[in-house]
Every structure is written in structure tokens, then in C-alpha cells.
Amino acid sequence: MTECEICGSKAIKKAEIDGAIVNVCSECVKYGKVVVGPVKIRAKPIKDIDSSRYIDPKYPELIKKTREKMEMKIEELAKKINEKESVISSLERGHLSPSFNLAKKLENFLEIKLILEYNEEFHSSKGKKDNSLTIGDVVDLGELDD
């Protein structure tokens, strides 16, 4: 039996509430908009305005594992960082992507790293620094501003 993610009773529908797709009962469906048809949600990197930072796509498991390691319930974490329980629950399931502000709050409270630099991922994924040249190493963009 699927439980309502708001009140815990039997869920019968999916609804969008606060930007998250959640399982809801017939009573709690009033808090959102019913979602019709299959729902496919994939966690993808969220880019910052300057495109040099992004949210780690592994944020759902990082948040959940750290919270559980701290022996803290979703309700407790939500209260500590002044967020709704449904937001924390949706983040941990990957149904909601955190804003940079929320990611920063979670980083500070949970003492984890959610906001990454593109260079960090590129170099760490290879295990060593790539010494090959790129166009950015050769071209001085200042020369193009004539």
C-alpha cells in the first residue's frame, strides 16, 4: 500500500504540491493539482546563473544518508532549517531540485557539499588533472571585444 506523503493514510493519486510530485489521499489532494498520466522525474544538474556552479545530481541520497546518519527525522530537519516537511521529503526522493539558497542551507546544517564547481567535477571524475589544452587556454577573450 502506498501511503499519502502528507498525512500517512492510503494514497490514491499523485499531485503536484509546492513543485513536487507526491502520493496523496483523497483528503490531501486538495493541497495541490492532480497529476494525470505517468510521471517521469529525473534528477539533473541545476546550473547557477554564472554556469560555473551546479547542484550535485546525487543530492537526494546525500541529503537522506546524512540526515539518517544524524539520526534525525524528516520533520526535525525541516524544522531546523525552516522548510516544509514535504520539501525535504521530495528532495530526498529526487522529485524536487533544491534552489541554490536551499542547497546552501542544507550544506551548512548537514555539513555536506551539494554545490559543486564544474572544474571540481571534471578533475575529480578523471582522478587526475587533464593537462591537454583547450580553446580557452589559447584564445584571449579580451582580444575579441574590439
Protein backbone atom coordinates (compact mmCIF):
# COMPACT_ATOMS: atom_id res chain seq x y z
CA MET A 1 0.00 0.00 0.00
CA THR A 2 1.30 3.41 -0.95
CA GLU A 3 0.98 5.98 1.82
CA CYS A 4 -0.07 9.59 1.49
CA GLU A 5 3.12 11.61 1.81
CA ILE A 6 1.29 14.31 3.74
CA CYS A 7 -0.88 12.53 6.32
CA GLY A 8 0.16 8.86 6.05
CA SER A 9 -3.20 7.36 5.10
CA LYS A 10 -3.77 5.34 1.90
CA ALA A 11 -2.66 7.26 -1.20
CA ILE A 12 -4.85 7.06 -4.26
CA LYS A 13 -3.47 9.77 -6.56
CA LYS A 14 -0.39 11.76 -7.48
CA ALA A 15 -0.49 15.53 -7.10
CA GLU A 16 1.87 18.43 -7.62
CA ILE A 17 2.30 20.31 -4.34
CA ASP A 18 4.88 23.06 -3.90
CA GLY A 19 6.59 21.95 -7.11
CA ALA A 20 6.93 18.33 -6.01
CA ILE A 21 5.01 15.29 -7.29
CA VAL A 22 3.72 13.38 -4.26
CA ASN A 23 1.38 10.47 -3.50
CA VAL A 24 -1.75 11.77 -1.76
CA CYS A 25 -5.02 10.53 -0.28
CA SER A 26 -8.47 11.79 -1.25
CA GLU A 27 -8.33 14.42 1.53
CA CYS A 28 -4.83 15.82 0.87
CA VAL A 29 -5.31 16.08 -2.89
CA LYS A 30 -6.92 19.48 -2.20
CA TYR A 31 -3.48 20.92 -1.35
CA GLY A 32 -2.24 20.60 -4.92
CA LYS A 33 -3.07 19.81 -8.52
CA VAL A 34 -3.80 16.23 -9.60
CA VAL A 35 -1.20 14.82 -12.00
CA VAL A 36 -2.68 12.72 -14.78
CA GLY A 37 -0.68 10.05 -16.60
CA PRO A 38 2.76 8.63 -15.94
CA VAL A 39 5.23 10.84 -14.14
CA LYS A 40 8.89 10.59 -15.10
CA ILE A 41 11.21 12.57 -12.91
CA ARG A 42 14.96 12.50 -13.28
CA ALA A 43 17.45 14.32 -11.16
CA LYS A 44 19.57 16.52 -13.37
CA PRO A 45 22.20 19.11 -12.54
CA ILE A 46 20.82 22.57 -11.81
CA LYS A 47 23.09 25.28 -13.14
CA ASP A 48 23.79 28.52 -11.34
CA ILE A 49 23.31 31.86 -13.11
CA ASP A 50 27.02 32.15 -13.95
CA SER A 51 27.06 28.48 -15.08
CA SER A 52 30.21 27.71 -13.11
CA ARG A 53 28.32 26.04 -10.26
CA TYR A 54 25.69 23.33 -10.17
CA ILE A 55 23.83 21.17 -7.67
CA ASP A 56 25.32 17.69 -7.30
CA PRO A 57 22.94 15.28 -9.09
CA LYS A 58 23.43 12.88 -6.16
CA TYR A 59 21.73 15.37 -3.82
CA PRO A 60 18.79 13.05 -2.92
CA GLU A 61 20.99 10.31 -1.49
CA LEU A 62 23.48 12.76 0.08
CA ILE A 63 20.72 14.55 1.98
CA LYS A 64 18.92 11.37 3.08
CA LYS A 65 22.04 9.43 4.14
CA THR A 66 23.41 12.37 6.11
CA ARG A 67 20.08 13.03 7.83
CA GLU A 68 19.75 9.35 8.75
CA LYS A 69 23.36 9.25 9.97
CA MET A 70 22.48 12.18 12.27
CA GLU A 71 19.54 10.05 13.49
CA MET A 72 17.16 12.82 12.53
CA LYS A 73 13.63 12.52 11.15
CA ILE A 74 12.47 14.48 8.11
CA GLU A 75 10.24 16.57 10.38
CA GLU A 76 13.20 17.51 12.59
CA LEU A 77 15.41 18.52 9.68
CA ALA A 78 12.61 20.57 8.14
CA LYS A 79 12.06 22.41 11.41
CA LYS A 80 15.79 23.04 11.96
CA ILE A 81 16.24 24.68 8.54
CA ASN A 82 12.78 26.28 8.44
CA GLU A 83 11.43 24.32 5.46
CA LYS A 84 8.30 22.25 4.88
CA GLU A 85 8.49 18.51 5.53
CA SER A 86 7.11 17.90 2.03
CA VAL A 87 10.07 19.82 0.56
CA ILE A 88 12.63 17.69 2.43
CA SER A 89 10.78 14.50 1.54
CA SER A 90 10.60 15.49 -2.13
CA LEU A 91 14.30 16.40 -2.18
CA GLU A 92 15.27 13.02 -0.75
CA ARG A 93 13.20 11.22 -3.38
CA GLY A 94 14.65 13.36 -6.18
CA HIS A 95 11.23 14.75 -7.06
CA LEU A 96 12.29 18.31 -6.28
CA SER A 97 15.56 20.00 -7.11
CA PRO A 98 16.89 22.41 -4.48
CA SER A 99 17.45 26.07 -5.25
CA PHE A 100 20.96 27.33 -4.57
CA ASN A 101 19.69 29.05 -1.41
CA LEU A 102 18.14 25.83 -0.09
CA ALA A 103 21.22 23.82 -1.09
CA LYS A 104 23.37 26.29 0.89
CA LYS A 105 21.13 25.90 3.97
CA LEU A 106 21.38 22.12 3.70
CA GLU A 107 25.16 22.27 3.18
CA ASN A 108 25.59 24.40 6.30
CA PHE A 109 23.31 22.38 8.56
CA LEU A 110 24.21 18.87 7.36
CA GLU A 111 27.87 19.74 6.72
CA ILE A 112 27.84 18.24 3.22
CA LYS A 113 28.76 19.57 -0.22
CA LEU A 114 25.85 19.98 -2.65
CA ILE A 115 27.01 22.96 -4.71
CA LEU A 116 29.87 22.00 -6.99
CA GLU A 117 32.10 23.84 -9.43
CA TYR A 118 32.30 22.43 -12.93
CA ASN A 119 36.09 22.23 -12.65
CA GLU A 120 35.81 20.15 -9.46
CA GLU A 121 33.69 17.50 -11.14
CA PHE A 122 35.83 17.45 -14.30
CA HIS A 123 39.08 16.94 -12.45
CA SER A 124 37.79 14.62 -9.74
CA SER A 125 35.99 12.35 -12.20
CA LYS A 126 39.25 11.62 -14.00
CA GLY A 127 41.22 11.13 -10.82
CA LYS A 128 43.96 13.43 -12.10
CA LYS A 129 44.23 16.78 -13.79
CA ASP A 130 43.91 16.76 -17.57
CA ASN A 131 46.89 18.68 -18.96
CA SER A 132 45.60 18.93 -22.56
CA LEU A 133 44.97 22.37 -23.99
CA THR A 134 41.51 23.76 -24.59
CA ILE A 135 40.44 26.67 -26.78
CA GLY A 136 40.13 28.73 -23.58
CA ASP A 137 43.84 28.17 -22.89
CA VAL A 138 44.81 29.55 -26.27
CA VAL A 139 42.34 32.36 -27.02
CA ASP A 140 42.35 35.59 -25.02
CA LEU A 141 38.69 36.63 -24.99
CA GLY A 142 39.74 40.21 -24.27
CA GLU A 143 41.06 40.46 -27.83
CA LEU A 144 37.59 39.74 -29.23
CA ASP A 145 35.98 42.82 -27.63
CA ASP A 146 37.06 45.27 -30.39
